[in-house]
Structures are given as C-alpha cells and as structure tokens.
Amino acid sequence: MRTLCSSTLIGEALLIMFAGLVAMKLTDVGTGAIWAVSGVAILLCVLLCGVITRPGAVWVGWALQLGVLASGLVLPTMYAFGVVFGGLWWCSVHYGRKIDEFKAQRAAAAEAPAPAAA
C-alpha cells in the first residue's frame, strides 16, 4: 500500500504546485494566501508519504482529497482533478491493501514447513 499511496501523493503534490501557479494568474486571491494554502497541502502530501502505514494516515489522506476537491471553489478545474485524485486515492488504498494481504499470505506459505515425502 505504501508504494501506491506515496505515488498518488507525490503526483498530487505536483498538481497542487501547478494549480497554485494557475490560481495566481486566474483568480483574485492574493499570492500569499494561495502559496500558504498550497504550501501546507504540498508539505502534507510529502510528509504523509513517510507515515502512510501508521494508523489514521489513510484518513488524513482522505481529508487531503476533500481539500483538493474544495479548492474548486477558487479554481473550478480543481473539481475535476479532485474527483480524479479521489479515485486514484481509493484505488491506491484498496488495491494496496489487497497487495499487502497477498504478500503476507505468500510469505506465510514460504515459511511454512514443507510436507514430508513418504
């Protein structure tokens, strides 16, 4: 799960950075406010990559997805990106957990003693 979620978060950090650049030119919101909010979101994305396997980290990721979706209030294109990255986040968590379960089963099977030949 760590690899999939981290990849999604890094992609999202890049999206937020570029969206901040676009928002500076297309909105009346001050540059300082845009970069304060964008900077916090980018930092959260990067820090969340390191703690994604800890309890509650996935929920923080969901909150981040809602924040990206809500940024559509300032830059309407972000509604579409919020939906896309929300879907990517769901896929990363869902399939990441399935992959982790599969790896655990495979590791348990490899550690189990082989049946004795008769």
N, C-alpha and C. Protein backbone atom coordinates (compact mmCIF):
# COMPACT_ATOMS: atom_id res chain seq x y z
N MET A 1 0.82 -1.18 0.00
CA MET A 1 0.00 0.00 0.00
C MET A 1 0.87 1.25 0.00
N ARG A 2 2.00 1.15 0.65
CA ARG A 2 2.87 2.31 0.78
C ARG A 2 3.29 2.88 -0.57
N THR A 3 3.67 2.03 -1.49
CA THR A 3 4.16 2.50 -2.79
C THR A 3 3.04 3.17 -3.59
N LEU A 4 1.89 2.53 -3.65
CA LEU A 4 0.78 3.10 -4.42
C LEU A 4 0.31 4.43 -3.84
N CYS A 5 0.13 4.48 -2.53
CA CYS A 5 -0.35 5.72 -1.90
C CYS A 5 0.69 6.83 -2.01
N SER A 6 1.95 6.50 -1.83
CA SER A 6 3.00 7.51 -1.94
C SER A 6 3.09 8.07 -3.35
N SER A 7 2.94 7.21 -4.34
CA SER A 7 2.97 7.68 -5.73
C SER A 7 1.82 8.64 -6.00
N THR A 8 0.65 8.31 -5.50
CA THR A 8 -0.51 9.19 -5.67
C THR A 8 -0.27 10.52 -4.98
N LEU A 9 0.29 10.49 -3.78
CA LEU A 9 0.52 11.73 -3.02
C LEU A 9 1.56 12.62 -3.68
N ILE A 10 2.60 12.04 -4.24
CA ILE A 10 3.62 12.85 -4.92
C ILE A 10 3.03 13.48 -6.18
N GLY A 11 2.24 12.72 -6.92
CA GLY A 11 1.55 13.28 -8.09
C GLY A 11 0.61 14.41 -7.68
N GLU A 12 -0.04 14.23 -6.56
CA GLU A 12 -0.96 15.26 -6.07
C GLU A 12 -0.22 16.51 -5.61
N ALA A 13 0.95 16.32 -5.02
CA ALA A 13 1.76 17.48 -4.62
C ALA A 13 2.16 18.30 -5.84
N LEU A 14 2.53 17.62 -6.91
CA LEU A 14 2.87 18.34 -8.15
C LEU A 14 1.65 19.05 -8.72
N LEU A 15 0.50 18.39 -8.69
CA LEU A 15 -0.73 19.02 -9.16
C LEU A 15 -1.03 20.28 -8.37
N ILE A 16 -0.90 20.22 -7.06
CA ILE A 16 -1.19 21.37 -6.20
C ILE A 16 -0.23 22.52 -6.51
N MET A 17 1.03 22.19 -6.74
CA MET A 17 2.00 23.23 -7.07
C MET A 17 1.62 23.93 -8.37
N PHE A 18 1.31 23.16 -9.41
CA PHE A 18 0.94 23.77 -10.69
C PHE A 18 -0.39 24.50 -10.60
N ALA A 19 -1.31 23.98 -9.81
CA ALA A 19 -2.60 24.66 -9.63
C ALA A 19 -2.40 25.99 -8.93
N GLY A 20 -1.44 26.05 -8.01
CA GLY A 20 -1.13 27.32 -7.35
C GLY A 20 -0.63 28.35 -8.35
N LEU A 21 0.20 27.93 -9.27
CA LEU A 21 0.69 28.85 -10.31
C LEU A 21 -0.46 29.36 -11.19
N VAL A 22 -1.36 28.47 -11.54
CA VAL A 22 -2.51 28.87 -12.36
C VAL A 22 -3.43 29.80 -11.57
N ALA A 23 -3.66 29.46 -10.32
CA ALA A 23 -4.56 30.28 -9.48
C ALA A 23 -4.01 31.69 -9.29
N MET A 24 -2.70 31.84 -9.27
CA MET A 24 -2.11 33.18 -9.13
C MET A 24 -2.52 34.08 -10.29
N LYS A 25 -2.61 33.51 -11.48
CA LYS A 25 -2.91 34.29 -12.67
C LYS A 25 -4.40 34.44 -12.95
N LEU A 26 -5.19 33.44 -12.57
CA LEU A 26 -6.60 33.43 -12.97
C LEU A 26 -7.58 33.86 -11.89
N THR A 27 -7.12 34.08 -10.67
CA THR A 27 -8.05 34.43 -9.59
C THR A 27 -7.64 35.74 -8.94
N ASP A 28 -8.55 36.26 -8.15
CA ASP A 28 -8.29 37.49 -7.42
C ASP A 28 -7.72 37.23 -6.02
N VAL A 29 -7.52 35.98 -5.68
CA VAL A 29 -6.97 35.62 -4.37
C VAL A 29 -5.51 36.05 -4.33
N GLY A 30 -5.09 36.57 -3.19
CA GLY A 30 -3.72 37.05 -3.05
C GLY A 30 -2.69 35.94 -3.19
N THR A 31 -1.54 36.32 -3.70
CA THR A 31 -0.45 35.35 -3.91
C THR A 31 -0.02 34.70 -2.60
N GLY A 32 0.05 35.48 -1.55
CA GLY A 32 0.45 34.93 -0.25
C GLY A 32 -0.52 33.88 0.25
N ALA A 33 -1.81 34.15 0.09
CA ALA A 33 -2.82 33.18 0.54
C ALA A 33 -2.76 31.90 -0.28
N ILE A 34 -2.58 32.06 -1.58
CA ILE A 34 -2.51 30.87 -2.45
C ILE A 34 -1.32 30.00 -2.05
N TRP A 35 -0.16 30.62 -1.86
CA TRP A 35 1.02 29.82 -1.55
C TRP A 35 1.04 29.33 -0.12
N ALA A 36 0.36 30.01 0.78
CA ALA A 36 0.26 29.50 2.15
C ALA A 36 -0.56 28.20 2.16
N VAL A 37 -1.70 28.24 1.50
CA VAL A 37 -2.56 27.05 1.45
C VAL A 37 -1.91 25.94 0.62
N SER A 38 -1.40 26.32 -0.55
CA SER A 38 -0.75 25.32 -1.41
C SER A 38 0.47 24.71 -0.73
N GLY A 39 1.26 25.54 -0.08
CA GLY A 39 2.46 25.05 0.59
C GLY A 39 2.15 24.06 1.70
N VAL A 40 1.12 24.36 2.48
CA VAL A 40 0.71 23.43 3.54
C VAL A 40 0.23 22.11 2.93
N ALA A 41 -0.56 22.19 1.87
CA ALA A 41 -1.06 20.97 1.22
C ALA A 41 0.08 20.15 0.61
N ILE A 42 1.03 20.83 -0.03
CA ILE A 42 2.18 20.13 -0.61
C ILE A 42 3.00 19.46 0.49
N LEU A 43 3.25 20.19 1.56
CA LEU A 43 4.02 19.63 2.68
C LEU A 43 3.29 18.44 3.29
N LEU A 44 1.97 18.54 3.43
CA LEU A 44 1.19 17.43 3.96
C LEU A 44 1.29 16.20 3.06
N CYS A 45 1.24 16.41 1.75
CA CYS A 45 1.38 15.29 0.80
C CYS A 45 2.72 14.58 0.99
N VAL A 46 3.77 15.37 1.07
CA VAL A 46 5.11 14.78 1.17
C VAL A 46 5.30 14.09 2.52
N LEU A 47 4.87 14.72 3.61
CA LEU A 47 5.02 14.12 4.93
C LEU A 47 4.16 12.87 5.08
N LEU A 48 3.00 12.88 4.46
CA LEU A 48 2.11 11.73 4.54
C LEU A 48 2.71 10.50 3.86
N CYS A 49 3.55 10.72 2.87
CA CYS A 49 4.23 9.58 2.22
C CYS A 49 5.05 8.77 3.22
N GLY A 50 5.66 9.44 4.17
CA GLY A 50 6.51 8.77 5.14
C GLY A 50 5.76 8.04 6.24
N VAL A 51 4.52 8.41 6.49
CA VAL A 51 3.78 7.81 7.61
C VAL A 51 2.51 7.11 7.15
N ILE A 52 2.43 6.78 5.89
CA ILE A 52 1.19 6.24 5.32
C ILE A 52 0.77 4.92 5.95
N THR A 53 1.69 4.16 6.49
CA THR A 53 1.32 2.87 7.09
C THR A 53 0.90 3.00 8.55
N ARG A 54 0.97 4.17 9.11
CA ARG A 54 0.57 4.37 10.51
C ARG A 54 -0.94 4.52 10.62
N PRO A 55 -1.47 4.19 11.80
CA PRO A 55 -2.93 4.32 11.98
C PRO A 55 -3.39 5.76 11.77
N GLY A 56 -4.46 5.92 11.06
CA GLY A 56 -5.04 7.23 10.83
C GLY A 56 -4.49 7.97 9.62
N ALA A 57 -3.40 7.52 9.06
CA ALA A 57 -2.79 8.23 7.93
C ALA A 57 -3.67 8.19 6.69
N VAL A 58 -4.36 7.09 6.48
CA VAL A 58 -5.24 6.99 5.32
C VAL A 58 -6.38 8.00 5.45
N TRP A 59 -6.87 8.20 6.67
CA TRP A 59 -7.94 9.18 6.89
C TRP A 59 -7.45 10.60 6.67
N VAL A 60 -6.22 10.87 7.02
CA VAL A 60 -5.64 12.18 6.72
C VAL A 60 -5.56 12.36 5.21
N GLY A 61 -5.23 11.28 4.51
CA GLY A 61 -5.21 11.31 3.05
C GLY A 61 -6.57 11.62 2.47
N TRP A 62 -7.62 11.03 3.07
CA TRP A 62 -8.98 11.33 2.60
C TRP A 62 -9.31 12.80 2.85
N ALA A 63 -8.90 13.34 3.99
CA ALA A 63 -9.13 14.76 4.28
C ALA A 63 -8.42 15.63 3.25
N LEU A 64 -7.23 15.22 2.87
CA LEU A 64 -6.48 15.94 1.84
C LEU A 64 -7.22 15.90 0.50
N GLN A 65 -7.82 14.76 0.18
CA GLN A 65 -8.58 14.65 -1.06
C GLN A 65 -9.78 15.60 -1.04
N LEU A 66 -10.43 15.70 0.11
CA LEU A 66 -11.56 16.64 0.23
C LEU A 66 -11.08 18.09 0.09
N GLY A 67 -9.89 18.37 0.61
CA GLY A 67 -9.32 19.71 0.47
C GLY A 67 -9.04 20.06 -0.98
N VAL A 68 -8.53 19.10 -1.73
CA VAL A 68 -8.27 19.33 -3.16
C VAL A 68 -9.59 19.55 -3.89
N LEU A 69 -10.59 18.77 -3.54
CA LEU A 69 -11.90 18.94 -4.15
C LEU A 69 -12.48 20.32 -3.80
N ALA A 70 -12.32 20.74 -2.56
CA ALA A 70 -12.84 22.04 -2.12
C ALA A 70 -12.09 23.20 -2.77
N SER A 71 -10.87 22.97 -3.21
CA SER A 71 -10.13 24.05 -3.87
C SER A 71 -10.76 24.44 -5.20
N GLY A 72 -11.74 23.66 -5.63
CA GLY A 72 -12.51 24.01 -6.81
C GLY A 72 -13.30 25.30 -6.62
N LEU A 73 -13.51 25.70 -5.38
CA LEU A 73 -14.18 26.97 -5.12
C LEU A 73 -13.35 28.14 -5.61
N VAL A 74 -12.03 27.99 -5.60
CA VAL A 74 -11.13 29.04 -6.07
C VAL A 74 -10.81 28.85 -7.55
N LEU A 75 -10.51 27.63 -7.91
CA LEU A 75 -10.14 27.31 -9.29
C LEU A 75 -11.03 26.14 -9.75
N PRO A 76 -12.09 26.41 -10.52
CA PRO A 76 -13.08 25.38 -10.85
C PRO A 76 -12.52 24.10 -11.48
N THR A 77 -11.41 24.18 -12.15
CA THR A 77 -10.80 22.98 -12.74
C THR A 77 -10.44 21.96 -11.67
N MET A 78 -10.21 22.43 -10.46
CA MET A 78 -9.81 21.54 -9.38
C MET A 78 -10.92 20.58 -8.97
N TYR A 79 -12.17 20.89 -9.32
CA TYR A 79 -13.24 19.92 -9.06
C TYR A 79 -12.95 18.62 -9.81
N ALA A 80 -12.60 18.74 -11.07
CA ALA A 80 -12.30 17.55 -11.88
C ALA A 80 -11.07 16.83 -11.35
N PHE A 81 -10.03 17.61 -11.03
CA PHE A 81 -8.81 16.97 -10.50
C PHE A 81 -9.07 16.35 -9.13
N GLY A 82 -9.94 16.97 -8.35
CA GLY A 82 -10.28 16.40 -7.05
C GLY A 82 -10.96 15.05 -7.19
N VAL A 83 -11.85 14.94 -8.16
CA VAL A 83 -12.53 13.66 -8.41
C VAL A 83 -11.52 12.62 -8.91
N VAL A 84 -10.65 13.02 -9.82
CA VAL A 84 -9.66 12.09 -10.36
C VAL A 84 -8.72 11.60 -9.26
N PHE A 85 -8.19 12.52 -8.47
CA PHE A 85 -7.26 12.09 -7.42
C PHE A 85 -7.97 11.39 -6.27
N GLY A 86 -9.23 11.70 -6.05
CA GLY A 86 -10.00 10.93 -5.06
C GLY A 86 -10.14 9.48 -5.51
N GLY A 87 -10.41 9.28 -6.80
CA GLY A 87 -10.47 7.93 -7.35
C GLY A 87 -9.13 7.21 -7.29
N LEU A 88 -8.07 7.94 -7.61
CA LEU A 88 -6.73 7.35 -7.51
C LEU A 88 -6.39 6.97 -6.07
N TRP A 89 -6.80 7.82 -5.12
CA TRP A 89 -6.53 7.54 -3.71
C TRP A 89 -7.29 6.29 -3.28
N TRP A 90 -8.56 6.18 -3.70
CA TRP A 90 -9.33 4.99 -3.35
C TRP A 90 -8.66 3.75 -3.92
N CYS A 91 -8.27 3.81 -5.20
CA CYS A 91 -7.60 2.66 -5.83
C CYS A 91 -6.29 2.32 -5.11
N SER A 92 -5.53 3.32 -4.75
CA SER A 92 -4.25 3.08 -4.07
C SER A 92 -4.46 2.39 -2.73
N VAL A 93 -5.44 2.85 -1.97
CA VAL A 93 -5.71 2.24 -0.66
C VAL A 93 -6.30 0.85 -0.84
N HIS A 94 -7.30 0.72 -1.68
CA HIS A 94 -7.99 -0.55 -1.86
C HIS A 94 -7.06 -1.64 -2.40
N TYR A 95 -6.44 -1.36 -3.53
CA TYR A 95 -5.58 -2.38 -4.14
C TYR A 95 -4.26 -2.53 -3.40
N GLY A 96 -3.80 -1.47 -2.76
CA GLY A 96 -2.59 -1.57 -1.94
C GLY A 96 -2.78 -2.54 -0.79
N ARG A 97 -3.94 -2.47 -0.16
CA ARG A 97 -4.23 -3.41 0.94
C ARG A 97 -4.33 -4.84 0.42
N LYS A 98 -4.92 -5.03 -0.75
CA LYS A 98 -5.01 -6.38 -1.33
C LYS A 98 -3.62 -6.92 -1.64
N ILE A 99 -2.75 -6.07 -2.16
CA ILE A 99 -1.39 -6.49 -2.46
C ILE A 99 -0.66 -6.86 -1.17
N ASP A 100 -0.85 -6.06 -0.11
CA ASP A 100 -0.21 -6.36 1.17
C ASP A 100 -0.70 -7.70 1.73
N GLU A 101 -2.00 -7.98 1.61
CA GLU A 101 -2.53 -9.26 2.07
C GLU A 101 -1.94 -10.42 1.27
N PHE A 102 -1.84 -10.25 -0.04
CA PHE A 102 -1.28 -11.28 -0.89
C PHE A 102 0.18 -11.56 -0.53
N LYS A 103 0.95 -10.49 -0.29
CA LYS A 103 2.35 -10.65 0.09
C LYS A 103 2.48 -11.37 1.43
N ALA A 104 1.59 -11.05 2.37
CA ALA A 104 1.64 -11.71 3.68
C ALA A 104 1.31 -13.20 3.55
N GLN A 105 0.32 -13.52 2.72
CA GLN A 105 -0.02 -14.93 2.50
C GLN A 105 1.13 -15.68 1.85
N ARG A 106 1.75 -15.06 0.88
CA ARG A 106 2.87 -15.69 0.19
C ARG A 106 4.06 -15.89 1.12
N ALA A 107 4.31 -14.90 1.98
CA ALA A 107 5.41 -15.03 2.94
C ALA A 107 5.12 -16.13 3.96
N ALA A 108 3.86 -16.23 4.40
CA ALA A 108 3.49 -17.27 5.35
C ALA A 108 3.62 -18.65 4.71
N ALA A 109 3.26 -18.75 3.45
CA ALA A 109 3.38 -20.03 2.75
C ALA A 109 4.84 -20.42 2.55
N ALA A 110 5.69 -19.45 2.33
CA ALA A 110 7.12 -19.74 2.13
C ALA A 110 7.78 -20.16 3.43
N GLU A 111 7.29 -19.66 4.56
CA GLU A 111 7.88 -20.01 5.86
C GLU A 111 7.34 -21.30 6.44
N ALA A 112 6.21 -21.76 5.93
CA ALA A 112 5.62 -22.99 6.43
C ALA A 112 6.51 -24.18 6.05
N PRO A 113 6.64 -25.13 6.97
CA PRO A 113 7.48 -26.30 6.65
C PRO A 113 6.86 -27.12 5.52
N ALA A 114 7.72 -27.62 4.68
CA ALA A 114 7.26 -28.44 3.55
C ALA A 114 6.80 -29.79 4.08
N PRO A 115 5.75 -30.35 3.50
CA PRO A 115 5.29 -31.67 3.95
C PRO A 115 6.36 -32.73 3.67
N ALA A 116 6.48 -33.65 4.60
CA ALA A 116 7.48 -34.70 4.45
C ALA A 116 7.07 -35.68 3.34
N ALA A 117 8.05 -36.08 2.55
CA ALA A 117 7.79 -37.02 1.47
C ALA A 117 7.71 -38.42 2.04
N ALA A 118 6.77 -39.22 1.54
CA ALA A 118 6.59 -40.56 2.09
C ALA A 118 7.42 -41.57 1.39
